[in-house]
């Protein structure tokens, strides 16, 4: 088993972590110095003297690049069990790192996540950021993960080639990894670990807004696809009516063309990672969903208007919101799924 630790300007906590790991296990430790500079050389020299392998970037490239450097190195070694990634700031306890390592042996082709349950005195930024990202991630990806921001993760050897190909060189790499796991055929296994925050988590480099955009992006793409399809539907209705006085034909023709456009954009850009979705299966499913949504539109408006008692204006708004999220979920789970 190999423990991979990316490190940029680490404190002496990294040395303490190495000592603690040596005391409880005999795993190989690989550390990537991500351009920390001469000021931190003594820490990496100490790691070398303790038997660790130290890889070095001459300049800072980012956490994702450091992890990929480590994965490529481990792929070329004689490692035969798996890899655990841990942070260098002391927030991952040695006993939890060992728990992840043991779990890898039981779960092939699975990302094993060290999951914090955010109990006790947890900084508001961390609690709120993870709660928001967890909710949106679950909706956008179809996978339920309690702690999307954990850096304590385990991988079987079969996953190393894929890990080297996941895009991203900085902190977005870890989020990209989670977003691309399910389309790539991998699942998740969560292992509870102790929640440790040192100095109110000042060492954390996670940016709730910027990094969470990686999770929101599929929904933003879906929104733009729907908006463009609506504009196209409107324009085609006017154009077709120039050639026919039959309103029904104009409406149907415009809707069919805009639907084909919407399907194509969603397949190529919004749900592009689901590469196994063939046109011969996904296209009929798309139009079945479109027909169902069209029929359900009246029923949902009636629920908001007649049963809940909203005005017709707000009933229409809430209906469109409901249908939007239902359509996104359905296309991910039904139209473009296996």
Protein backbone atom coordinates (compact mmCIF):
# COMPACT_ATOMS: atom_id res chain seq x y z
CA UNK A 1 0.00 0.00 0.00
CA UNK A 2 1.22 3.50 -0.84
CA UNK A 3 0.28 6.74 0.89
CA UNK A 4 0.50 9.77 -1.41
CA UNK A 5 0.82 13.22 0.16
CA UNK A 6 0.93 16.37 -2.01
CA UNK A 7 2.65 19.18 -0.12
CA UNK A 8 3.02 22.87 -0.79
CA UNK A 9 4.92 24.88 1.87
CA UNK A 10 4.11 22.32 4.60
CA UNK A 11 4.56 22.87 8.31
CA UNK A 12 6.24 20.49 10.77
CA UNK A 13 2.88 18.73 11.05
CA UNK A 14 3.91 16.77 7.95
CA UNK A 15 6.91 15.34 9.83
CA UNK A 16 4.69 14.48 12.79
CA UNK A 17 2.28 12.71 10.45
CA UNK A 18 5.12 10.65 8.94
CA UNK A 19 6.38 9.61 12.40
CA UNK A 20 2.86 8.60 13.45
CA UNK A 21 2.32 6.57 10.27
CA UNK A 22 5.66 4.78 10.71
CA UNK A 23 4.59 3.82 14.23
CA UNK A 24 1.36 2.09 13.17
CA UNK A 25 1.97 0.76 9.64
CA UNK A 26 4.69 -0.12 7.13
CA UNK A 27 3.13 1.53 4.10
CA UNK A 28 5.31 3.21 1.49
CA UNK A 29 4.96 7.01 1.73
CA UNK A 30 5.33 9.16 -1.40
CA UNK A 31 5.45 12.94 -0.94
CA UNK A 32 5.27 15.45 -3.79
CA UNK A 33 6.98 18.78 -3.12
CA UNK A 34 4.88 21.11 -5.25
CA UNK A 35 7.45 23.87 -5.67
CA UNK A 36 7.69 24.81 -1.97
CA UNK A 37 11.14 26.42 -2.28
CA UNK A 38 14.37 26.35 -0.29
CA UNK A 39 12.71 27.55 2.92
CA UNK A 40 10.92 24.21 3.25
CA UNK A 41 13.76 21.98 2.02
CA UNK A 42 14.60 20.76 5.54
CA UNK A 43 11.11 19.26 5.90
CA UNK A 44 11.43 17.21 2.70
CA UNK A 45 15.02 16.22 3.61
CA UNK A 46 13.69 14.93 6.93
CA UNK A 47 11.01 12.96 5.07
CA UNK A 48 13.73 11.42 2.88
CA UNK A 49 15.76 10.44 5.94
CA UNK A 50 12.69 8.70 7.35
CA UNK A 51 12.43 6.48 4.27
CA UNK A 52 9.83 8.40 2.25
CA UNK A 53 10.06 8.90 -1.50
CA UNK A 54 10.07 12.63 -2.32
CA UNK A 55 9.14 13.83 -5.81
CA UNK A 56 9.68 17.48 -6.67
CA UNK A 57 8.15 20.16 -8.86
CA UNK A 58 10.59 23.00 -9.50
CA UNK A 59 7.69 25.46 -9.34
CA UNK A 60 4.19 25.31 -7.92
CA UNK A 61 1.79 23.54 -10.32
CA UNK A 62 -1.20 22.92 -8.06
CA UNK A 63 -2.60 20.08 -5.97
CA UNK A 64 -4.08 18.26 -8.96
CA UNK A 65 -0.75 18.27 -10.81
CA UNK A 66 1.03 17.06 -7.66
CA UNK A 67 -1.42 14.18 -7.24
CA UNK A 68 -1.02 13.18 -10.89
CA UNK A 69 2.77 13.25 -10.55
CA UNK A 70 2.42 10.87 -7.61
CA UNK A 71 -0.05 8.60 -9.42
CA UNK A 72 2.25 8.34 -12.46
CA UNK A 73 5.20 7.45 -10.23
CA UNK A 74 3.24 4.82 -8.29
CA UNK A 75 1.92 3.35 -11.54
CA UNK A 76 5.51 2.65 -12.59
CA UNK A 77 6.51 1.05 -9.28
CA UNK A 78 5.77 -2.45 -8.02
CA UNK A 79 2.85 -1.32 -5.85
CA UNK A 80 0.32 -4.16 -5.79
CA UNK A 81 -2.44 -3.07 -3.39
CA UNK A 82 -3.59 0.51 -3.81
CA UNK A 83 -3.09 4.20 -3.06
CA UNK A 84 -4.34 6.46 -0.29
CA UNK A 85 -4.13 10.24 -0.73
CA UNK A 86 -3.88 12.41 2.37
CA UNK A 87 -3.30 16.09 3.06
CA UNK A 88 -0.09 17.37 4.64
CA UNK A 89 -1.66 19.71 7.20
CA UNK A 90 -2.36 17.18 9.96
CA UNK A 91 -6.13 17.11 9.54
CA UNK A 92 -6.13 13.43 8.56
CA UNK A 93 -5.36 11.19 11.50
CA UNK A 94 -3.04 8.19 10.93
CA UNK A 95 -5.68 5.75 12.21
CA UNK A 96 -8.15 7.07 9.60
CA UNK A 97 -5.56 6.80 6.82
CA UNK A 98 -5.08 3.15 7.77
CA UNK A 99 -8.88 2.62 7.75
CA UNK A 100 -9.04 3.87 4.17
CA UNK A 101 -6.11 1.63 3.18
CA UNK A 102 -7.83 -1.43 4.62
CA UNK A 103 -11.09 -0.56 2.87
CA UNK A 104 -9.35 -0.40 -0.53
CA UNK A 105 -8.58 -4.12 -0.27
CA UNK A 106 -12.31 -4.87 -0.16
CA UNK A 107 -13.50 -2.46 -2.87
CA UNK A 108 -12.04 -2.62 -6.38
CA UNK A 109 -12.86 0.08 -8.93
CA UNK A 110 -14.23 2.20 -6.12
CA UNK A 111 -13.22 5.57 -4.71
CA UNK A 112 -13.03 5.14 -0.95
CA UNK A 113 -13.70 8.45 0.77
CA UNK A 114 -12.77 9.43 4.31
CA UNK A 115 -15.99 11.13 5.32
CA UNK A 116 -16.28 13.81 8.00
CA UNK A 117 -19.69 14.04 9.63
CA UNK A 118 -19.19 17.69 10.68
CA UNK A 119 -20.12 17.27 14.33
CA UNK A 120 -18.88 19.43 17.18
CA UNK A 121 -17.14 22.76 16.62
CA UNK A 122 -16.97 22.99 12.85
CA UNK A 123 -16.22 26.34 11.12
CA UNK A 124 -19.34 27.76 9.48
CA UNK A 125 -17.52 28.09 6.13
CA UNK A 126 -16.77 24.38 6.09
CA UNK A 127 -20.21 23.28 7.27
CA UNK A 128 -22.12 25.53 4.86
CA UNK A 129 -19.80 24.95 1.89
CA UNK A 130 -20.00 21.19 2.19
CA UNK A 131 -23.78 21.12 2.75
CA UNK A 132 -24.46 23.25 -0.33
CA UNK A 133 -21.99 21.40 -2.54
CA UNK A 134 -23.23 18.01 -1.32
CA UNK A 135 -26.82 18.84 -2.29
CA UNK A 136 -26.00 20.18 -5.75
CA UNK A 137 -23.47 17.41 -6.42
CA UNK A 138 -26.03 14.72 -5.64
CA UNK A 139 -28.56 16.27 -8.00
CA UNK A 140 -26.08 16.95 -10.82
CA UNK A 141 -24.23 13.63 -10.72
CA UNK A 142 -26.77 11.16 -9.35
CA UNK A 143 -24.29 10.01 -6.69
CA UNK A 144 -24.75 10.64 -2.98
CA UNK A 145 -21.60 11.70 -1.15
CA UNK A 146 -21.72 13.23 2.30
CA UNK A 147 -18.27 14.89 2.20
CA UNK A 148 -17.38 16.11 -1.30
CA UNK A 149 -14.37 18.11 -0.09
CA UNK A 150 -12.38 15.41 1.68
CA UNK A 151 -8.78 14.93 0.56
CA UNK A 152 -8.52 11.53 2.25
CA UNK A 153 -9.29 9.10 -0.56
CA UNK A 154 -8.38 5.56 -1.54
CA UNK A 155 -7.99 3.99 -4.98
CA UNK A 156 -7.31 0.50 -6.29
CA UNK A 157 -4.44 0.06 -8.76
CA UNK A 158 -6.81 -0.43 -11.70
CA UNK A 159 -7.84 3.21 -11.41
CA UNK A 160 -4.40 4.81 -11.80
CA UNK A 161 -4.54 5.29 -15.58
CA UNK A 162 -7.93 7.01 -15.26
CA UNK A 163 -6.70 9.19 -12.38
CA UNK A 164 -3.85 10.46 -14.56
CA UNK A 165 -6.34 11.46 -17.28
CA UNK A 166 -8.88 13.37 -15.15
CA UNK A 167 -8.61 17.07 -16.13
CA UNK A 168 -7.46 19.77 -13.74
CA UNK A 169 -4.14 20.77 -12.19
CA UNK A 170 -5.26 22.63 -9.10
CA UNK A 171 -8.01 22.20 -6.52
CA UNK A 172 -10.65 21.59 -9.17
CA UNK A 173 -8.98 18.23 -9.90
CA UNK A 174 -10.49 16.58 -6.85
CA UNK A 175 -13.98 17.78 -7.74
CA UNK A 176 -13.53 16.72 -11.37
CA UNK A 177 -12.56 13.29 -10.10
CA UNK A 178 -15.88 12.92 -8.29
CA UNK A 179 -17.90 14.29 -11.21
CA UNK A 180 -16.28 11.94 -13.74
CA UNK A 181 -16.24 8.80 -11.58
CA UNK A 182 -19.80 7.58 -12.26
CA UNK A 183 -19.65 8.08 -16.07
CA UNK A 184 -16.31 6.24 -16.02
CA UNK A 185 -17.94 3.28 -14.27
CA UNK A 186 -16.63 3.79 -10.73
CA UNK A 187 -18.62 3.90 -7.51
CA UNK A 188 -18.05 5.40 -4.06
CA UNK A 189 -17.53 3.89 -0.63
CA UNK A 190 -17.58 6.18 2.40
CA UNK A 191 -15.68 5.47 5.60
CA UNK A 192 -16.35 7.69 8.60
CA UNK A 193 -13.35 9.52 9.99
CA UNK A 194 -12.77 12.00 12.76
CA UNK A 195 -13.40 15.66 11.96
CA UNK A 196 -10.27 17.69 12.76
CA UNK A 197 -10.03 21.44 12.24
CA UNK A 198 -6.80 23.17 13.16
CA UNK A 199 -6.89 26.95 13.69
CA UNK A 200 -10.47 27.14 12.36
CA UNK A 201 -9.39 25.41 9.14
CA UNK A 202 -7.26 28.36 8.00
CA UNK A 203 -5.08 25.99 5.98
CA UNK A 204 -7.97 24.95 3.74
CA UNK A 205 -7.64 26.06 0.12
CA UNK A 206 -11.21 25.18 -0.84
CA UNK A 207 -13.16 28.15 -2.22
CA UNK A 208 -16.91 27.48 -1.78
CA UNK A 209 -18.00 29.61 -4.74
CA UNK A 210 -15.23 29.00 -7.28
CA UNK A 211 -14.78 25.28 -6.62
CA UNK A 212 -18.51 24.64 -6.30
CA UNK A 213 -18.98 25.97 -9.84
CA UNK A 214 -17.52 22.65 -11.01
CA UNK A 215 -20.58 20.99 -9.49
CA UNK A 216 -23.04 23.58 -10.77
CA UNK A 217 -21.71 23.53 -14.33
CA UNK A 218 -23.90 20.64 -15.63
CA UNK A 219 -27.04 22.46 -14.45
CA UNK A 220 -25.81 25.77 -15.93
CA UNK A 221 -25.18 24.03 -19.27
CA UNK A 222 -28.66 22.47 -19.12
CA UNK A 223 -30.16 25.92 -18.43
CA UNK A 224 -28.42 27.43 -21.46
CA UNK A 225 -29.49 24.51 -23.64
CA UNK A 226 -33.12 24.98 -22.56
CA UNK A 227 -32.95 28.75 -23.11
CA UNK A 228 -31.47 28.41 -26.59
CA UNK A 229 -34.07 25.78 -27.50
CA UNK A 230 -36.85 28.11 -26.35
CA UNK A 231 -35.50 30.98 -28.45
CA UNK A 232 -35.15 28.67 -31.47
CA UNK A 233 -38.72 27.40 -30.99
CA UNK A 234 -40.00 30.99 -30.96
CA UNK A 235 -38.05 31.98 -34.08
CA UNK A 236 -39.01 28.87 -36.03
CA UNK A 237 -42.68 29.40 -35.21
CA UNK A 238 -42.53 32.80 -36.87
CA UNK A 239 -40.55 31.56 -39.88
CA UNK A 240 -42.78 28.54 -40.54
CA UNK A 241 -45.90 30.70 -40.36
CA UNK A 242 -44.55 32.70 -43.29
CA UNK A 243 -45.05 29.60 -45.46
CA UNK A 244 -48.28 28.19 -44.02
CA UNK A 245 -51.44 29.54 -42.44
CA UNK A 246 -51.90 26.33 -40.44
CA UNK A 247 -50.98 27.28 -36.86
CA UNK A 248 -50.98 23.64 -35.69
CA UNK A 249 -48.36 22.64 -38.29
CA UNK A 250 -46.27 25.69 -37.41
CA UNK A 251 -46.33 24.88 -33.68
CA UNK A 252 -45.54 21.18 -34.20
CA UNK A 253 -42.81 21.87 -36.76
CA UNK A 254 -41.13 24.45 -34.55
CA UNK A 255 -41.35 22.20 -31.50
CA UNK A 256 -39.91 19.16 -33.30
CA UNK A 257 -36.97 21.15 -34.66
CA UNK A 258 -36.20 22.83 -31.34
CA UNK A 259 -36.50 19.47 -29.54
CA UNK A 260 -33.99 17.84 -31.90
CA UNK A 261 -31.66 20.79 -31.28
CA UNK A 262 -32.12 20.48 -27.51
CA UNK A 263 -31.49 16.73 -27.59
CA UNK A 264 -28.31 17.18 -29.66
CA UNK A 265 -26.88 19.88 -27.41
CA UNK A 266 -27.67 17.89 -24.25
CA UNK A 267 -26.13 14.73 -25.66
CA UNK A 268 -22.94 16.40 -26.92
CA UNK A 269 -22.34 18.97 -24.19
CA UNK A 270 -24.54 18.68 -21.11
CA UNK A 271 -24.42 14.91 -20.61
CA UNK A 272 -21.38 14.28 -22.81
CA UNK A 273 -19.59 12.19 -20.18
CA UNK A 274 -22.24 9.49 -20.52
CA UNK A 275 -20.56 8.19 -23.67
CA UNK A 276 -22.43 4.89 -23.64
CA UNK A 277 -25.76 6.59 -24.49
CA UNK A 278 -26.40 5.57 -28.12
CA UNK A 279 -28.66 7.72 -30.30
CA UNK A 280 -30.92 4.77 -31.15
CA UNK A 281 -31.85 4.38 -27.48
CA UNK A 282 -31.49 7.91 -26.08
CA UNK A 283 -33.44 9.72 -28.84
CA UNK A 284 -36.69 7.71 -28.42
CA UNK A 285 -36.36 8.09 -24.65
CA UNK A 286 -35.96 11.83 -25.06
CA UNK A 287 -39.20 12.19 -27.03
CA UNK A 288 -41.05 9.91 -24.58
CA UNK A 289 -39.91 12.22 -21.79
CA UNK A 290 -40.88 15.30 -23.83
CA UNK A 291 -44.39 13.91 -24.36
CA UNK A 292 -44.73 13.08 -20.67
CA UNK A 293 -43.54 16.55 -19.63
CA UNK A 294 -45.99 18.19 -22.01
CA UNK A 295 -48.90 16.16 -20.58
CA UNK A 296 -47.75 16.70 -17.00
CA UNK A 297 -47.56 20.46 -17.42
CA UNK A 298 -51.32 20.91 -16.95
CA UNK A 299 -51.46 18.58 -13.96
CA UNK A 300 -48.63 20.36 -12.13
CA UNK A 301 -50.15 23.80 -12.76
CA UNK A 302 -53.47 22.50 -11.44
CA UNK A 303 -51.81 21.25 -8.25
CA UNK A 304 -50.18 24.62 -7.56
CA UNK A 305 -53.29 26.59 -8.61
CA UNK A 306 -56.30 24.56 -7.45
CA UNK A 307 -54.92 22.54 -4.55
CA UNK A 308 -52.13 24.69 -3.05
CA UNK A 309 -53.96 27.93 -3.90
CA UNK A 310 -51.25 29.92 -5.68
CA UNK A 311 -52.17 32.55 -8.23
CA UNK A 312 -52.04 31.42 -11.86
CA UNK A 313 -48.93 33.54 -12.40
CA UNK A 314 -46.96 31.93 -9.58
CA UNK A 315 -48.40 28.50 -10.37
CA UNK A 316 -46.92 28.79 -13.87
CA UNK A 317 -43.52 29.92 -12.52
CA UNK A 318 -43.31 27.07 -9.99
CA UNK A 319 -44.49 24.60 -12.62
CA UNK A 320 -41.67 25.60 -14.97
CA UNK A 321 -39.13 25.31 -12.14
CA UNK A 322 -40.46 21.87 -11.19
CA UNK A 323 -40.41 20.66 -14.80
CA UNK A 324 -36.90 22.06 -15.32
CA UNK A 325 -35.38 20.07 -12.44
CA UNK A 326 -37.46 17.00 -13.24
CA UNK A 327 -36.33 17.13 -16.86
CA UNK A 328 -32.67 17.45 -15.87
CA UNK A 329 -32.96 14.53 -13.44
CA UNK A 330 -34.86 12.40 -15.96
CA UNK A 331 -32.43 12.99 -18.80
CA UNK A 332 -29.49 12.05 -16.59
CA UNK A 333 -31.19 8.98 -15.08
CA UNK A 334 -33.33 7.79 -18.02
CA UNK A 335 -32.51 9.35 -21.39
CA UNK A 336 -28.71 9.26 -21.32
CA UNK A 337 -28.22 6.44 -18.81
CA UNK A 338 -27.16 2.90 -19.68
